[in-house]
C-alpha cells in the first residue's frame, strides 16, 4: 500500500491560468449551445413556420443566453471563492 501522508500536495494553479481555462470553457460552451440552438431553430422553422427566420435567431439566442448565464455564474463563483 502507498502511504498517503508522505505524498506531496498537488501544485497550486495560478489564478490567471484558472481564469484562462474558465474563459476557454465558456467560449466553447457558447459555441456548442449556440450551434445547438441554431439547429433546433432550423428544424422548428422547417417543420412548423414555413421557413421563417425568427425561430432560428430565437433558438440561437436561447443557446448563447444559456451559455452566458452559466459562464457568468461560474466566473462569479471563482471570484467569490478567491475573496475568502
PDB file of N, CA and C in Angstrom:
ATOM      1  N   UNK A   1       0.829  -1.186   0.000  1.00  0.00           N
ATOM      2  CA  UNK A   1       0.000   0.000   0.000  1.00  0.00           C
ATOM      3  C   UNK A   1       0.870   1.245   0.000  1.00  0.00           C
ATOM      4  N   UNK A   2       0.334   2.296  -0.571  1.00  0.00           N
ATOM      5  CA  UNK A   2       1.061   3.554  -0.649  1.00  0.00           C
ATOM      6  C   UNK A   2       0.686   4.419   0.542  1.00  0.00           C
ATOM      7  N   UNK A   3       1.713   4.972   1.191  1.00  0.00           N
ATOM      8  CA  UNK A   3       1.482   5.855   2.331  1.00  0.00           C
ATOM      9  C   UNK A   3       1.093   7.233   1.812  1.00  0.00           C
ATOM     10  N   UNK A   4      -0.120   7.677   2.127  1.00  0.00           N
ATOM     11  CA  UNK A   4      -0.619   8.954   1.623  1.00  0.00           C
ATOM     12  C   UNK A   4      -0.043  10.140   2.373  1.00  0.00           C
ATOM     13  N   UNK A   5       0.466   9.950   3.559  1.00  0.00           N
ATOM     14  CA  UNK A   5       0.993  11.060   4.345  1.00  0.00           C
ATOM     15  C   UNK A   5       2.307  11.590   3.765  1.00  0.00           C
ATOM     16  N   UNK A   6       3.055  10.757   3.060  1.00  0.00           N
ATOM     17  CA  UNK A   6       4.337  11.212   2.520  1.00  0.00           C
ATOM     18  C   UNK A   6       4.205  11.822   1.129  1.00  0.00           C
ATOM     19  N   UNK A   7       3.027  11.723   0.503  1.00  0.00           N
ATOM     20  CA  UNK A   7       2.873  12.291  -0.832  1.00  0.00           C
ATOM     21  C   UNK A   7       2.711  13.806  -0.730  1.00  0.00           C
ATOM     22  N   UNK A   8       3.240  14.505  -1.706  1.00  0.00           N
ATOM     23  CA  UNK A   8       3.162  15.959  -1.706  1.00  0.00           C
ATOM     24  C   UNK A   8       1.820  16.407  -2.290  1.00  0.00           C
ATOM     25  N   UNK A   9       1.337  17.557  -1.844  1.00  0.00           N
ATOM     26  CA  UNK A   9       0.060  18.055  -2.371  1.00  0.00           C
ATOM     27  C   UNK A   9       0.213  18.458  -3.845  1.00  0.00           C
ATOM     28  N   UNK A  10      -0.878  18.472  -4.587  1.00  0.00           N
ATOM     29  CA  UNK A  10      -0.777  18.873  -5.988  1.00  0.00           C
ATOM     30  C   UNK A  10      -0.346  20.330  -6.090  1.00  0.00           C
ATOM     31  N   UNK A  11       0.344  20.681  -7.153  1.00  0.00           N
ATOM     32  CA  UNK A  11       0.817  22.067  -7.290  1.00  0.00           C
ATOM     33  C   UNK A  11      -0.359  23.031  -7.408  1.00  0.00           C
ATOM     34  N   UNK A  12      -0.189  24.210  -6.829  1.00  0.00           N
ATOM     35  CA  UNK A  12      -1.233  25.229  -6.873  1.00  0.00           C
ATOM     36  C   UNK A  12      -1.337  25.795  -8.288  1.00  0.00           C
ATOM     37  N   UNK A  13      -2.559  26.064  -8.701  1.00  0.00           N
ATOM     38  CA  UNK A  13      -2.805  26.624 -10.028  1.00  0.00           C
ATOM     39  C   UNK A  13      -2.911  28.136  -9.892  1.00  0.00           C
ATOM     40  N   UNK A  14      -2.217  28.850 -10.739  1.00  0.00           N
ATOM     41  CA  UNK A  14      -2.245  30.307 -10.703  1.00  0.00           C
ATOM     42  C   UNK A  14      -3.640  30.809 -11.072  1.00  0.00           C
ATOM     43  N   UNK A  15      -4.090  31.899 -10.460  1.00  0.00           N
ATOM     44  CA  UNK A  15      -5.417  32.438 -10.777  1.00  0.00           C
ATOM     45  C   UNK A  15      -5.580  32.795 -12.250  1.00  0.00           C
ATOM     46  N   UNK A  16      -4.495  33.258 -12.886  1.00  0.00           N
ATOM     47  CA  UNK A  16      -4.574  33.612 -14.302  1.00  0.00           C
ATOM     48  C   UNK A  16      -4.858  32.377 -15.154  1.00  0.00           C
ATOM     49  N   UNK A  17      -4.235  31.258 -14.772  1.00  0.00           N
ATOM     50  CA  UNK A  17      -4.460  30.022 -15.514  1.00  0.00           C
ATOM     51  C   UNK A  17      -5.883  29.510 -15.326  1.00  0.00           C
ATOM     52  N   UNK A  18      -6.403  29.641 -14.109  1.00  0.00           N
ATOM     53  CA  UNK A  18      -7.797  29.239 -13.869  1.00  0.00           C
ATOM     54  C   UNK A  18      -8.753  30.105 -14.677  1.00  0.00           C
ATOM     55  N   UNK A  19      -8.471  31.414 -14.736  1.00  0.00           N
ATOM     56  CA  UNK A  19      -9.325  32.320 -15.489  1.00  0.00           C
ATOM     57  C   UNK A  19      -9.288  31.987 -16.980  1.00  0.00           C
ATOM     58  N   UNK A  20      -8.091  31.731 -17.523  1.00  0.00           N
ATOM     59  CA  UNK A  20      -7.978  31.354 -18.934  1.00  0.00           C
ATOM     60  C   UNK A  20      -8.727  30.069 -19.231  1.00  0.00           C
ATOM     61  N   UNK A  21      -8.590  29.107 -18.331  1.00  0.00           N
ATOM     62  CA  UNK A  21      -9.280  27.828 -18.513  1.00  0.00           C
ATOM     63  C   UNK A  21     -10.796  28.008 -18.504  1.00  0.00           C
ATOM     64  N   UNK A  22     -11.274  28.828 -17.582  1.00  0.00           N
ATOM     65  CA  UNK A  22     -12.719  29.051 -17.496  1.00  0.00           C
ATOM     66  C   UNK A  22     -13.245  29.846 -18.688  1.00  0.00           C
ATOM     67  N   UNK A  23     -12.491  30.806 -19.168  1.00  0.00           N
ATOM     68  CA  UNK A  23     -12.932  31.570 -20.341  1.00  0.00           C
ATOM     69  C   UNK A  23     -12.942  30.672 -21.574  1.00  0.00           C
ATOM     70  N   UNK A  24     -11.946  29.817 -21.715  1.00  0.00           N
ATOM     71  CA  UNK A  24     -11.954  28.861 -22.829  1.00  0.00           C
ATOM     72  C   UNK A  24     -13.163  27.935 -22.749  1.00  0.00           C
ATOM     73  N   UNK A  25     -13.462  27.471 -21.548  1.00  0.00           N
ATOM     74  CA  UNK A  25     -14.635  26.610 -21.359  1.00  0.00           C
ATOM     75  C   UNK A  25     -15.914  27.373 -21.687  1.00  0.00           C
ATOM     76  N   UNK A  26     -15.988  28.637 -21.296  1.00  0.00           N
ATOM     77  CA  UNK A  26     -17.173  29.446 -21.583  1.00  0.00           C
ATOM     78  C   UNK A  26     -17.353  29.656 -23.083  1.00  0.00           C
ATOM     79  N   UNK A  27     -16.274  29.933 -23.782  1.00  0.00           N
ATOM     80  CA  UNK A  27     -16.378  30.153 -25.224  1.00  0.00           C
ATOM     81  C   UNK A  27     -16.786  28.884 -25.957  1.00  0.00           C
ATOM     82  N   UNK A  28     -16.213  27.770 -25.574  1.00  0.00           N
ATOM     83  CA  UNK A  28     -16.594  26.526 -26.236  1.00  0.00           C
ATOM     84  C   UNK A  28     -18.032  26.156 -25.898  1.00  0.00           C
ATOM     85  N   UNK A  29     -18.456  26.423 -24.677  1.00  0.00           N
ATOM     86  CA  UNK A  29     -19.828  26.176 -24.278  1.00  0.00           C
ATOM     87  C   UNK A  29     -20.788  27.064 -25.078  1.00  0.00           C
ATOM     88  N   UNK A  30     -20.420  28.326 -25.282  1.00  0.00           N
ATOM     89  CA  UNK A  30     -21.260  29.235 -26.072  1.00  0.00           C
ATOM     90  C   UNK A  30     -21.366  28.766 -27.519  1.00  0.00           C
ATOM     91  N   UNK A  31     -20.268  28.291 -28.084  1.00  0.00           N
ATOM     92  CA  UNK A  31     -20.314  27.792 -29.458  1.00  0.00           C
ATOM     93  C   UNK A  31     -21.203  26.561 -29.573  1.00  0.00           C
ATOM     94  N   UNK A  32     -21.056  25.636 -28.650  1.00  0.00           N
ATOM     95  CA  UNK A  32     -21.845  24.406 -28.701  1.00  0.00           C
ATOM     96  C   UNK A  32     -23.328  24.702 -28.500  1.00  0.00           C
ATOM     97  N   UNK A  33     -23.652  25.479 -27.475  1.00  0.00           N
ATOM     98  CA  UNK A  33     -25.061  25.765 -27.201  1.00  0.00           C
ATOM     99  C   UNK A  33     -25.667  26.672 -28.262  1.00  0.00           C
ATOM    100  N   UNK A  34     -24.884  27.626 -28.767  1.00  0.00           N
ATOM    101  CA  UNK A  34     -25.391  28.479 -29.847  1.00  0.00           C
ATOM    102  C   UNK A  34     -25.670  27.677 -31.105  1.00  0.00           C
ATOM    103  N   UNK A  35     -24.777  26.765 -31.446  1.00  0.00           N
ATOM    104  CA  UNK A  35     -24.981  25.914 -32.623  1.00  0.00           C
ATOM    105  C   UNK A  35     -26.160  24.970 -32.402  1.00  0.00           C
ATOM    106  N   UNK A  36     -26.293  24.448 -31.195  1.00  0.00           N
ATOM    107  CA  UNK A  36     -27.440  23.589 -30.883  1.00  0.00           C
ATOM    108  C   UNK A  36     -28.751  24.345 -31.022  1.00  0.00           C
ATOM    109  N   UNK A  37     -28.794  25.579 -30.530  1.00  0.00           N
ATOM    110  CA  UNK A  37     -29.983  26.413 -30.682  1.00  0.00           C
ATOM    111  C   UNK A  37     -30.270  26.721 -32.139  1.00  0.00           C
ATOM    112  N   UNK A  38     -29.221  26.939 -32.926  1.00  0.00           N
ATOM    113  CA  UNK A  38     -29.379  27.192 -34.356  1.00  0.00           C
ATOM    114  C   UNK A  38     -29.989  25.982 -35.054  1.00  0.00           C
ATOM    115  N   UNK A  39     -29.518  24.809 -34.716  1.00  0.00           N
ATOM    116  CA  UNK A  39     -30.042  23.582 -35.321  1.00  0.00           C
ATOM    117  C   UNK A  39     -31.489  23.359 -34.910  1.00  0.00           C
ATOM    118  N   UNK A  40     -31.786  23.513 -33.633  1.00  0.00           N
ATOM    119  CA  UNK A  40     -33.166  23.319 -33.167  1.00  0.00           C
ATOM    120  C   UNK A  40     -34.088  24.355 -33.795  1.00  0.00           C
ATOM    121  N   UNK A  41     -33.642  25.603 -33.858  1.00  0.00           N
ATOM    122  CA  UNK A  41     -34.453  26.642 -34.507  1.00  0.00           C
ATOM    123  C   UNK A  41     -34.672  26.355 -35.975  1.00  0.00           C
ATOM    124  N   UNK A  42     -33.671  25.827 -36.638  1.00  0.00           N
ATOM    125  CA  UNK A  42     -33.810  25.489 -38.058  1.00  0.00           C
ATOM    126  C   UNK A  42     -34.818  24.362 -38.262  1.00  0.00           C
ATOM    127  N   UNK A  43     -34.759  23.366 -37.416  1.00  0.00           N
ATOM    128  CA  UNK A  43     -35.710  22.246 -37.521  1.00  0.00           C
ATOM    129  C   UNK A  43     -37.128  22.743 -37.251  1.00  0.00           C
ATOM    130  N   UNK A  44     -37.287  23.570 -36.237  1.00  0.00           N
ATOM    131  CA  UNK A  44     -38.622  24.096 -35.907  1.00  0.00           C
ATOM    132  C   UNK A  44     -39.167  24.934 -37.054  1.00  0.00           C
ATOM    133  N   UNK A  45     -38.326  25.771 -37.637  1.00  0.00           N
ATOM    134  CA  UNK A  45     -38.811  26.613 -38.722  1.00  0.00           C
ATOM    135  C   UNK A  45     -39.143  25.782 -39.962  1.00  0.00           C
ATOM    136  N   UNK A  46     -38.407  24.726 -40.218  1.00  0.00           N
ATOM    137  CA  UNK A  46     -38.725  23.877 -41.371  1.00  0.00           C
ATOM    138  C   UNK A  46     -40.010  23.083 -41.148  1.00  0.00           C
ATOM    139  N   UNK A  47     -40.261  22.663 -39.911  1.00  0.00           N
ATOM    140  CA  UNK A  47     -41.432  21.835 -39.636  1.00  0.00           C
ATOM    141  C   UNK A  47     -42.709  22.640 -39.406  1.00  0.00           C
ATOM    142  N   UNK A  48     -42.612  23.796 -38.766  1.00  0.00           N
ATOM    143  CA  UNK A  48     -43.818  24.480 -38.318  1.00  0.00           C
ATOM    144  C   UNK A  48     -44.048  25.878 -38.894  1.00  0.00           C
ATOM    145  N   UNK A  49     -43.029  26.612 -39.214  1.00  0.00           N
ATOM    146  CA  UNK A  49     -43.200  28.030 -39.521  1.00  0.00           C
ATOM    147  C   UNK A  49     -42.917  28.414 -40.959  1.00  0.00           C
ATOM    148  N   UNK A  50     -42.992  27.496 -41.857  1.00  0.00           N
ATOM    149  CA  UNK A  50     -42.858  27.751 -43.290  1.00  0.00           C
ATOM    150  C   UNK A  50     -41.647  28.623 -43.639  1.00  0.00           C
ATOM    151  N   UNK A  51     -40.538  28.219 -43.124  1.00  0.00           N
ATOM    152  CA  UNK A  51     -39.240  28.817 -43.447  1.00  0.00           C
ATOM    153  C   UNK A  51     -39.122  30.295 -43.090  1.00  0.00           C
ATOM    154  N   UNK A  52     -39.577  30.621 -41.926  1.00  0.00           N
ATOM    155  CA  UNK A  52     -39.345  31.959 -41.383  1.00  0.00           C
ATOM    156  C   UNK A  52     -37.983  31.947 -40.686  1.00  0.00           C
ATOM    157  N   UNK A  53     -37.395  33.115 -40.522  1.00  0.00           N
ATOM    158  CA  UNK A  53     -36.045  33.173 -39.954  1.00  0.00           C
ATOM    159  C   UNK A  53     -36.058  33.384 -38.432  1.00  0.00           C
ATOM    160  N   UNK A  54     -37.130  33.911 -37.869  1.00  0.00           N
ATOM    161  CA  UNK A  54     -37.103  34.256 -36.451  1.00  0.00           C
ATOM    162  C   UNK A  54     -36.919  33.062 -35.526  1.00  0.00           C
ATOM    163  N   UNK A  55     -37.442  31.858 -35.804  1.00  0.00           N
ATOM    164  CA  UNK A  55     -37.159  30.745 -34.878  1.00  0.00           C
ATOM    165  C   UNK A  55     -35.683  30.362 -34.833  1.00  0.00           C
ATOM    166  N   UNK A  56     -34.989  30.563 -35.945  1.00  0.00           N
ATOM    167  CA  UNK A  56     -33.547  30.269 -35.976  1.00  0.00           C
ATOM    168  C   UNK A  56     -32.811  31.227 -35.048  1.00  0.00           C
ATOM    169  N   UNK A  57     -33.121  32.510 -35.167  1.00  0.00           N
ATOM    170  CA  UNK A  57     -32.478  33.508 -34.307  1.00  0.00           C
ATOM    171  C   UNK A  57     -32.874  33.326 -32.847  1.00  0.00           C
ATOM    172  N   UNK A  58     -34.134  32.970 -32.613  1.00  0.00           N
ATOM    173  CA  UNK A  58     -34.597  32.752 -31.249  1.00  0.00           C
ATOM    174  C   UNK A  58     -33.869  31.571 -30.607  1.00  0.00           C
ATOM    175  N   UNK A  59     -33.743  30.468 -31.338  1.00  0.00           N
ATOM    176  CA  UNK A  59     -33.033  29.298 -30.816  1.00  0.00           C
ATOM    177  C   UNK A  59     -31.573  29.591 -30.556  1.00  0.00           C
ATOM    178  N   UNK A  60     -30.945  30.312 -31.465  1.00  0.00           N
ATOM    179  CA  UNK A  60     -29.542  30.681 -31.276  1.00  0.00           C
ATOM    180  C   UNK A  60     -29.380  31.594 -30.067  1.00  0.00           C
ATOM    181  N   UNK A  61     -30.295  32.543 -29.929  1.00  0.00           N
ATOM    182  CA  UNK A  61     -30.255  33.450 -28.773  1.00  0.00           C
ATOM    183  C   UNK A  61     -30.438  32.729 -27.454  1.00  0.00           C
ATOM    184  N   UNK A  62     -31.366  31.768 -27.427  1.00  0.00           N
ATOM    185  CA  UNK A  62     -31.549  30.983 -26.207  1.00  0.00           C
ATOM    186  C   UNK A  62     -30.289  30.188 -25.875  1.00  0.00           C
ATOM    187  N   UNK A  63     -29.678  29.588 -26.880  1.00  0.00           N
ATOM    188  CA  UNK A  63     -28.469  28.800 -26.638  1.00  0.00           C
ATOM    189  C   UNK A  63     -27.318  29.644 -26.116  1.00  0.00           C
ATOM    190  N   UNK A  64     -27.081  30.776 -26.759  1.00  0.00           N
ATOM    191  CA  UNK A  64     -25.993  31.660 -26.318  1.00  0.00           C
ATOM    192  C   UNK A  64     -26.323  32.256 -24.952  1.00  0.00           C
ATOM    193  N   UNK A  65     -27.598  32.569 -24.720  1.00  0.00           N
ATOM    194  CA  UNK A  65     -28.006  33.108 -23.417  1.00  0.00           C
ATOM    195  C   UNK A  65     -27.789  32.118 -22.291  1.00  0.00           C
ATOM    196  N   UNK A  66     -28.097  30.861 -22.553  1.00  0.00           N
ATOM    197  CA  UNK A  66     -27.851  29.831 -21.530  1.00  0.00           C
ATOM    198  C   UNK A  66     -26.366  29.698 -21.245  1.00  0.00           C
ATOM    199  N   UNK A  67     -25.552  29.757 -22.284  1.00  0.00           N
ATOM    200  CA  UNK A  67     -24.101  29.668 -22.092  1.00  0.00           C
ATOM    201  C   UNK A  67     -23.588  30.879 -21.320  1.00  0.00           C
ATOM    202  N   UNK A  68     -24.117  32.055 -21.640  1.00  0.00           N
ATOM    203  CA  UNK A  68     -23.707  33.276 -20.944  1.00  0.00           C
ATOM    204  C   UNK A  68     -24.054  33.197 -19.453  1.00  0.00           C
ATOM    205  N   UNK A  69     -25.244  32.729 -19.162  1.00  0.00           N
ATOM    206  CA  UNK A  69     -25.678  32.614 -17.772  1.00  0.00           C
ATOM    207  C   UNK A  69     -24.792  31.637 -16.993  1.00  0.00           C
ATOM    208  N   UNK A  70     -24.492  30.503 -17.597  1.00  0.00           N
ATOM    209  CA  UNK A  70     -23.630  29.532 -16.941  1.00  0.00           C
ATOM    210  C   UNK A  70     -22.225  30.065 -16.733  1.00  0.00           C
ATOM    211  N   UNK A  71     -21.722  30.779 -17.722  1.00  0.00           N
ATOM    212  CA  UNK A  71     -20.376  31.347 -17.617  1.00  0.00           C
ATOM    213  C   UNK A  71     -20.327  32.428 -16.539  1.00  0.00           C
ATOM    214  N   UNK A  72     -21.355  33.263 -16.523  1.00  0.00           N
ATOM    215  CA  UNK A  72     -21.416  34.311 -15.511  1.00  0.00           C
ATOM    216  C   UNK A  72     -21.439  33.721 -14.104  1.00  0.00           C
ATOM    217  N   UNK A  73     -22.225  32.678 -13.930  1.00  0.00           N
ATOM    218  CA  UNK A  73     -22.306  32.017 -12.623  1.00  0.00           C
ATOM    219  C   UNK A  73     -20.969  31.400 -12.238  1.00  0.00           C
ATOM    220  N   UNK A  74     -20.334  30.744 -13.182  1.00  0.00           N
ATOM    221  CA  UNK A  74     -19.050  30.093 -12.917  1.00  0.00           C
ATOM    222  C   UNK A  74     -17.963  31.110 -12.570  1.00  0.00           C
ATOM    223  N   UNK A  75     -17.905  32.209 -13.305  1.00  0.00           N
ATOM    224  CA  UNK A  75     -16.892  33.224 -13.033  1.00  0.00           C
ATOM    225  C   UNK A  75     -17.157  33.946 -11.713  1.00  0.00           C
ATOM    226  N   UNK A  76     -18.417  34.153 -11.375  1.00  0.00           N
ATOM    227  CA  UNK A  76     -18.729  34.776 -10.090  1.00  0.00           C
ATOM    228  C   UNK A  76     -18.375  33.851  -8.932  1.00  0.00           C
ATOM    229  N   UNK A  77     -18.556  32.551  -9.082  1.00  0.00           N
ATOM    230  CA  UNK A  77     -18.168  31.602  -8.034  1.00  0.00           C
ATOM    231  C   UNK A  77     -16.662  31.640  -7.807  1.00  0.00           C
ATOM    232  N   UNK A  78     -15.907  31.727  -8.897  1.00  0.00           N
ATOM    233  CA  UNK A  78     -14.452  31.799  -8.779  1.00  0.00           C
ATOM    234  C   UNK A  78     -14.048  33.084  -8.088  1.00  0.00           C
ATOM    235  N   UNK A  79     -14.669  34.188  -8.470  1.00  0.00           N
ATOM    236  CA  UNK A  79     -14.356  35.479  -7.864  1.00  0.00           C
ATOM    237  C   UNK A  79     -14.732  35.472  -6.402  1.00  0.00           C
ATOM    238  N   UNK A  80     -15.874  34.899  -6.057  1.00  0.00           N
ATOM    239  CA  UNK A  80     -16.311  34.831  -4.675  1.00  0.00           C
ATOM    240  C   UNK A  80     -15.395  33.954  -3.846  1.00  0.00           C
ATOM    241  N   UNK A  81     -14.975  32.814  -4.397  1.00  0.00           N
ATOM    242  CA  UNK A  81     -14.096  31.904  -3.669  1.00  0.00           C
ATOM    243  C   UNK A  81     -12.707  32.476  -3.471  1.00  0.00           C
ATOM    244  N   UNK A  82     -12.262  33.334  -4.402  1.00  0.00           N
ATOM    245  CA  UNK A  82     -10.917  33.890  -4.254  1.00  0.00           C
ATOM    246  C   UNK A  82     -10.874  34.978  -3.191  1.00  0.00           C
ATOM    247  N   UNK A  83     -12.021  35.541  -2.811  1.00  0.00           N
ATOM    248  CA  UNK A  83     -12.050  36.573  -1.778  1.00  0.00           C
ATOM    249  C   UNK A  83     -11.912  35.999  -0.372  1.00  0.00           C
ATOM    250  N   UNK A  84     -12.242  34.745  -0.214  1.00  0.00           N
ATOM    251  CA  UNK A  84     -12.209  34.138   1.134  1.00  0.00           C
ATOM    252  C   UNK A  84     -10.828  33.982   1.651  1.00  0.00           C
TER     253      UNK A  84
END
